[in-house]
Structure formats: C-alpha cells, structure tokens
Amino acid sequence: MNPIKLFASDIDGTFVNDKKTFNQKLFQATLDEMNFNHQFFVAASGRSYNGIAQVFKNYMHKYNISFVSQNGASVYVDGKNIFRSSIDPELLEKVFYILPELSIKPDRIIFEGDLSTYAPDYQQKSKLNKMNTYNPKLEIIHNFSEIKEPIEKIALFWKGIDQKLMAEELISKTKIKGVRATSSGYGAIDIINRGISKAIGLQKLGAYLGLHHDQMAAFGDGENDLEMLYYVAHPFVMPNAPDFIKREFSGEQIALSDNNHDGVLKTIDKLIAK
C-alpha cells in the first residue's frame, strides 16, 4: 500500500473542539513534520473558503494548506481555486424568492460564495448575528441581484424540525433539478449541486497534486463526511461521531481521541511516526 501523502480533516466536530479552538502548538509541530515529509494537510468542510481561512489564517502563509470547501463544491490549493461547482443562477433566484412563501420558513437562510455570504433580509435580524462564526464576510441583501459572485451552496436551518425533510420538500415544491440536500456538519442543511461531495473535492485535489485515493487519509464525524471517508484508503471516524456513523467503520478506523482531545492531530502524528 502506498504511504499516506494527504491528510484531510473535517473542521467542526472533528478538528476543532466544542469551543471552536484547537491545539495550535501541536498543529504547528505536526505541520512542520508533514512539510518535511512532503505531505499535505487538507481542510475539508461545509464552510466557505473564507470560513475555513478564518480557522487557519495563522498558518496559510507558511504552509500549503489546501481547502475542500462548501462540502466539495470548491477546491483551493495554495490560495488558488482549481475546481468550482456553482449552482445555476436561475435556480438560485427561484429559491431566493420562494423561501419566504414556504409553510415553515427556515430560521436562517444564507447563500454562500467563496468570498462572501449573502443573507436575505426577509429573515429575522436576531438570527443573522449567529452566522458570523462561520461566515466572516456576511452581507445582508434585499434582492437577488445584489449577489455578485458564483454561489456554491445554500445553507438552511430549521429549529426543532427534520431539516433534511424540509429541504427535500423545498426541492420538490420548487421543482428545482440538479441539486441535493446534505448535512452541513454544524447544524444546518446544505443545498449543493447533485454529484458534489467532499469525496469529489478530494478526487479533484488528488488529480491536481498527482495523488491517488490510496495515498489519502481522512477524518470526519458527520453525515457529510461519509462519502469522503468511503473514498480514501485510510478513513478515521471521531469517537464523538453518532453511532450510525461509527457503525460504518471498524475499530482501527476510529481516531485516537475525540475532537476535544486533539484526536485528529494525535492520530496523524501516530501515522507519520510509522
């Protein structure tokens, strides 16, 4: 089996702890070792490019950290976009204006591009403040025409309701085609193009870097990580993942610790030391 050259990690519930921080000293040491070994670290998240960059801003200039963002809809290497799967603008506009008319309107609605996140002003203003953690460049808009960049993802959140069911109902009622609903990894439902996943993002990244899936390891804790975990030769599920996720993998495919105890970095360090 080929040696591992690429380590991909989900962020929320996987790489960062419940306070959205991580062990920076250990990460620095791990990156130094990976850099020496010509290995790659990849952040694979439902977050946008800027949302991921906010987490790794202290390391991006020194290390080549690649991003598989928007659940695989956008891929970056050394700050350069190498793949993007944006949603059809006509479809986006239809969804933008139909959402307020749903019988149960989402509590939070955002349209995400790589650079900015757009929140329609027809949702409650108090809900918008909760979006800044994941969306550092948030713009409040009134009309769809105010969106000035390609959109890879629509993120929706319904409180106390089966969110995926509601998203599927939206797709059915609007008769929009070519998209699917998936878990965001941090409490929302993402609408992305059909056929897009973190696995596709890693496949595109691997082709760019000249790496095969048997040279990749991945870490995740949620439903939106499953395709990625199935794709790589070395999958690792977090101990804090739901049981239905952990049941898909064997005991040796469980990370050494949970997200609150540096599970990703400890497991990477053990793999590097072999």
Protein backbone atom coordinates (compact mmCIF):
# COMPACT_ATOMS: atom_id res chain seq x y z
CA MET A 1 0.00 0.00 0.00
CA ASN A 2 1.27 3.47 -0.87
CA PRO A 3 2.38 5.72 2.01
CA ILE A 4 -0.06 8.39 3.13
CA LYS A 5 0.68 11.69 1.43
CA LEU A 6 -2.53 13.60 2.14
CA PHE A 7 -4.45 14.04 5.42
CA ALA A 8 -7.92 15.57 5.05
CA SER A 9 -9.96 16.67 8.05
CA ASP A 10 -13.43 17.99 8.59
CA ILE A 11 -13.43 21.03 10.88
CA ASP A 12 -16.50 21.26 13.12
CA GLY A 13 -16.88 18.32 15.48
CA THR A 14 -13.63 16.87 14.13
CA PHE A 15 -10.58 19.15 14.01
CA VAL A 16 -11.76 21.95 16.33
CA ASN A 17 -13.09 21.35 19.81
CA ASP A 18 -16.53 22.34 21.06
CA LYS A 19 -15.23 25.87 21.76
CA LYS A 20 -14.14 26.13 18.09
CA THR A 21 -10.42 26.22 19.01
CA PHE A 22 -7.59 23.70 18.63
CA ASN A 23 -4.14 22.88 19.97
CA GLN A 24 -2.05 25.33 17.97
CA LYS A 25 1.31 24.19 19.35
CA LEU A 26 0.63 20.57 18.39
CA PHE A 27 -0.71 21.62 14.99
CA GLN A 28 2.43 23.66 14.29
CA ALA A 29 4.64 20.68 15.14
CA THR A 30 2.53 18.36 13.02
CA LEU A 31 2.63 20.71 10.04
CA ASP A 32 6.41 21.03 10.34
CA GLU A 33 6.76 17.24 10.26
CA MET A 34 4.34 16.91 7.34
CA ASN A 35 6.15 19.64 5.45
CA PHE A 36 9.46 17.81 5.94
CA ASN A 37 7.87 14.60 4.63
CA HIS A 38 6.25 16.36 1.62
CA GLN A 39 2.78 15.55 2.93
CA PHE A 40 -0.34 17.66 2.58
CA PHE A 41 -2.91 18.85 5.11
CA VAL A 42 -6.40 19.48 3.73
CA ALA A 43 -9.33 21.16 5.48
CA ALA A 44 -12.50 19.53 4.10
CA SER A 45 -15.55 21.37 5.38
CA GLY A 46 -19.05 22.58 4.70
CA ARG A 47 -17.68 26.07 5.40
CA SER A 48 -16.83 28.54 2.64
CA TYR A 49 -13.26 29.45 1.65
CA ASN A 50 -13.30 32.45 3.98
CA GLY A 51 -14.89 30.42 6.74
CA ILE A 52 -12.04 27.90 6.58
CA ALA A 53 -9.39 30.60 6.17
CA GLN A 54 -10.59 32.16 9.41
CA VAL A 55 -9.59 28.96 11.24
CA PHE A 56 -6.17 28.55 9.60
CA LYS A 57 -5.17 32.18 8.94
CA ASN A 58 -2.05 31.91 11.14
CA TYR A 59 -0.67 29.05 9.04
CA MET A 60 -1.69 29.75 5.45
CA HIS A 61 1.31 31.89 4.50
CA LYS A 62 3.92 29.40 5.74
CA TYR A 63 2.22 26.11 4.85
CA ASN A 64 0.37 24.93 1.77
CA ILE A 65 -2.96 24.06 3.40
CA SER A 66 -5.47 23.01 0.76
CA PHE A 67 -9.21 23.61 1.15
CA VAL A 68 -12.10 21.42 0.09
CA SER A 69 -14.85 23.90 0.91
CA GLN A 70 -18.63 24.06 0.56
CA ASN A 71 -18.88 20.27 1.03
CA GLY A 72 -16.74 19.70 -2.05
CA ALA A 73 -18.19 22.38 -4.33
CA SER A 74 -14.97 24.41 -4.29
CA VAL A 75 -11.31 23.34 -4.03
CA TYR A 76 -8.28 25.53 -3.33
CA VAL A 77 -4.56 24.80 -3.43
CA ASP A 78 -2.21 27.46 -2.05
CA GLY A 79 -4.97 30.07 -2.35
CA LYS A 80 -5.74 29.17 -5.97
CA ASN A 81 -9.14 27.83 -6.97
CA ILE A 82 -8.74 24.63 -9.03
CA PHE A 83 -12.37 23.45 -9.04
CA ARG A 84 -15.77 25.04 -8.57
CA SER A 85 -19.31 23.71 -8.94
CA SER A 86 -21.60 26.73 -8.71
CA ILE A 87 -25.38 26.47 -8.68
CA ASP A 88 -27.35 27.67 -11.72
CA PRO A 89 -28.24 31.38 -11.11
CA GLU A 90 -31.79 30.86 -12.43
CA LEU A 91 -32.32 28.09 -9.90
CA LEU A 92 -30.82 30.24 -7.13
CA GLU A 93 -33.15 33.14 -7.94
CA LYS A 94 -36.17 30.85 -7.84
CA VAL A 95 -35.18 29.52 -4.42
CA PHE A 96 -34.38 33.03 -3.14
CA TYR A 97 -37.93 34.26 -3.70
CA ILE A 98 -39.82 31.06 -2.84
CA LEU A 99 -38.26 30.51 0.62
CA PRO A 100 -40.38 33.18 2.40
CA GLU A 101 -43.52 31.54 1.00
CA LEU A 102 -42.89 28.11 2.50
CA SER A 103 -45.37 26.92 5.11
CA ILE A 104 -42.46 26.66 7.55
CA LYS A 105 -39.85 29.25 6.69
CA PRO A 106 -36.25 28.42 7.69
CA ASP A 107 -34.93 30.17 10.78
CA ARG A 108 -31.71 31.01 8.94
CA ILE A 109 -31.01 31.29 5.22
CA ILE A 110 -27.69 32.04 3.55
CA PHE A 111 -26.31 31.88 0.02
CA GLU A 112 -22.60 31.14 0.09
CA GLY A 113 -19.89 32.01 -2.38
CA ASP A 114 -16.16 31.62 -1.87
CA LEU A 115 -15.61 35.23 -0.87
CA SER A 116 -18.89 36.43 0.65
CA THR A 117 -22.01 35.07 2.29
CA TYR A 118 -25.37 36.62 1.43
CA ALA A 119 -28.30 36.64 3.87
CA PRO A 120 -31.74 37.72 2.62
CA ASP A 121 -33.23 40.45 4.80
CA TYR A 122 -36.62 38.73 4.97
CA GLN A 123 -35.40 36.57 7.86
CA GLN A 124 -35.30 37.65 11.50
CA LYS A 125 -32.47 40.10 12.21
CA SER A 126 -31.72 38.38 15.53
CA LYS A 127 -30.89 35.18 13.62
CA LEU A 128 -28.29 36.89 11.46
CA ASN A 129 -25.93 37.53 14.38
CA LYS A 130 -25.44 33.77 14.84
CA MET A 131 -24.00 33.41 11.33
CA ASN A 132 -20.78 35.37 11.88
CA THR A 133 -18.91 32.44 13.47
CA TYR A 134 -18.89 30.57 10.18
CA ASN A 135 -19.30 33.45 7.74
CA PRO A 136 -16.83 36.27 8.37
CA LYS A 137 -17.92 38.28 5.30
CA LEU A 138 -21.68 38.44 5.70
CA GLU A 139 -23.76 40.75 3.51
CA ILE A 140 -27.44 41.46 4.16
CA ILE A 141 -29.32 41.78 0.87
CA HIS A 142 -32.86 42.64 -0.21
CA ASN A 143 -32.83 41.49 -3.84
CA PHE A 144 -31.23 38.52 -5.55
CA SER A 145 -29.47 40.89 -7.98
CA GLU A 146 -27.23 42.02 -5.10
CA ILE A 147 -25.35 38.70 -5.23
CA LYS A 148 -22.19 39.42 -7.21
CA GLU A 149 -20.35 36.09 -7.33
CA PRO A 150 -20.95 32.40 -8.09
CA ILE A 151 -22.84 30.60 -5.32
CA GLU A 152 -21.87 27.03 -4.48
CA LYS A 153 -24.22 26.42 -1.58
CA ILE A 154 -27.49 27.42 0.05
CA ALA A 155 -27.44 26.77 3.80
CA LEU A 156 -30.77 26.45 5.61
CA PHE A 157 -31.64 25.90 9.25
CA TRP A 158 -34.98 24.93 10.77
CA LYS A 159 -35.13 24.73 14.56
CA GLY A 160 -36.84 21.69 16.06
CA ILE A 161 -37.84 20.23 12.69
CA ASP A 162 -36.48 17.46 10.47
CA GLN A 163 -34.27 19.75 8.43
CA LYS A 164 -33.38 17.33 5.65
CA LEU A 165 -37.05 16.54 5.15
CA MET A 166 -37.83 20.26 4.87
CA ALA A 167 -35.02 20.78 2.38
CA GLU A 168 -36.27 17.88 0.26
CA GLU A 169 -39.75 19.42 0.42
CA LEU A 170 -38.30 22.71 -0.86
CA ILE A 171 -36.63 20.91 -3.78
CA SER A 172 -39.87 19.07 -4.54
CA LYS A 173 -42.16 22.12 -4.32
CA THR A 174 -39.96 24.34 -6.43
CA LYS A 175 -39.25 21.50 -8.91
CA ILE A 176 -35.62 22.56 -8.98
CA LYS A 177 -33.37 19.94 -10.55
CA GLY A 178 -29.71 19.08 -10.37
CA VAL A 179 -29.25 19.73 -6.63
CA ARG A 180 -29.34 17.71 -3.43
CA ALA A 181 -29.64 18.30 0.30
CA THR A 182 -26.88 17.21 2.69
CA SER A 183 -25.89 17.86 6.30
CA SER A 184 -23.60 20.86 6.74
CA GLY A 185 -21.75 19.38 9.69
CA TYR A 186 -22.70 22.23 12.01
CA GLY A 187 -26.45 22.12 12.40
CA ALA A 188 -27.75 23.25 9.02
CA ILE A 189 -28.74 21.65 5.73
CA ASP A 190 -26.82 22.48 2.58
CA ILE A 191 -28.26 22.59 -0.91
CA ILE A 192 -25.43 21.83 -3.36
CA ASN A 193 -25.21 20.51 -6.89
CA ARG A 194 -26.07 16.85 -7.31
CA GLY A 195 -22.97 14.70 -7.55
CA ILE A 196 -20.91 17.05 -5.39
CA SER A 197 -19.38 15.81 -2.12
CA LYS A 198 -16.17 16.04 -0.16
CA ALA A 199 -15.08 12.87 -1.95
CA ILE A 200 -15.39 14.65 -5.31
CA GLY A 201 -13.40 17.55 -3.88
CA LEU A 202 -10.61 15.19 -2.79
CA GLN A 203 -10.71 13.46 -6.17
CA LYS A 204 -10.21 16.82 -7.94
CA LEU A 205 -7.46 17.76 -5.50
CA GLY A 206 -5.74 14.41 -5.90
CA ALA A 207 -5.75 14.75 -9.69
CA TYR A 208 -4.17 18.20 -9.37
CA LEU A 209 -1.49 17.02 -6.94
CA GLY A 210 -0.87 13.69 -8.64
CA LEU A 211 -2.15 11.62 -5.72
CA HIS A 212 -4.38 8.54 -5.67
CA HIS A 213 -7.04 7.76 -3.06
CA ASP A 214 -4.86 5.02 -1.54
CA GLN A 215 -2.41 7.78 -0.55
CA MET A 216 -5.08 9.65 1.41
CA ALA A 217 -6.38 9.61 4.97
CA ALA A 218 -9.49 11.46 6.12
CA PHE A 219 -11.15 12.36 9.42
CA GLY A 220 -14.83 13.12 9.99
CA ASP A 221 -17.74 12.92 12.37
CA GLY A 222 -20.87 13.59 10.32
CA GLU A 223 -23.12 12.50 7.50
CA ASN A 224 -21.50 14.95 5.09
CA ASP A 225 -18.15 13.23 5.73
CA LEU A 226 -19.27 9.75 4.74
CA GLU A 227 -18.50 9.95 1.00
CA MET A 228 -15.02 11.26 1.82
CA LEU A 229 -14.42 8.50 4.37
CA TYR A 230 -15.56 5.83 1.92
CA TYR A 231 -13.33 7.30 -0.80
CA VAL A 232 -9.96 7.35 0.97
CA ALA A 233 -7.94 4.23 1.78
CA HIS A 234 -7.39 5.37 5.38
CA PRO A 235 -10.66 6.63 6.94
CA PHE A 236 -10.88 7.70 10.58
CA VAL A 237 -14.11 8.46 12.41
CA MET A 238 -14.12 10.58 15.54
CA PRO A 239 -15.14 8.87 18.80
CA ASN A 240 -17.70 11.67 19.28
CA ALA A 241 -19.44 10.83 15.98
CA PRO A 242 -23.01 9.49 16.11
CA ASP A 243 -23.32 5.73 16.39
CA PHE A 244 -24.78 5.36 12.89
CA ILE A 245 -21.56 6.87 11.52
CA LYS A 246 -19.22 4.77 13.68
CA ARG A 247 -21.04 1.56 12.74
CA GLU A 248 -19.83 2.03 9.17
CA PHE A 249 -16.19 1.56 10.16
CA SER A 250 -14.03 -0.92 12.08
CA GLY A 251 -12.40 -0.28 15.45
CA GLU A 252 -9.00 0.54 13.98
CA GLN A 253 -10.68 3.24 11.91
CA ILE A 254 -11.67 5.25 14.99
CA ALA A 255 -9.43 8.24 15.74
CA LEU A 256 -7.30 8.04 18.90
CA SER A 257 -9.28 10.75 20.72
CA ASP A 258 -12.36 12.90 20.23
CA ASN A 259 -12.43 16.46 18.92
CA ASN A 260 -11.98 17.89 22.43
CA HIS A 261 -8.71 15.99 22.94
CA ASP A 262 -6.75 16.59 19.72
CA GLY A 263 -7.96 13.36 18.13
CA VAL A 264 -7.07 14.31 14.55
CA LEU A 265 -3.56 15.55 15.34
CA LYS A 266 -2.75 12.65 17.66
CA THR A 267 -3.79 10.16 15.01
CA ILE A 268 -1.85 11.93 12.26
CA ASP A 269 1.25 12.01 14.45
CA LYS A 270 0.98 8.27 15.06
CA LEU A 271 0.59 7.60 11.34
CA ILE A 272 3.56 9.82 10.46
CA ALA A 273 5.74 8.08 13.06
CA LYS A 274 5.21 4.65 11.48
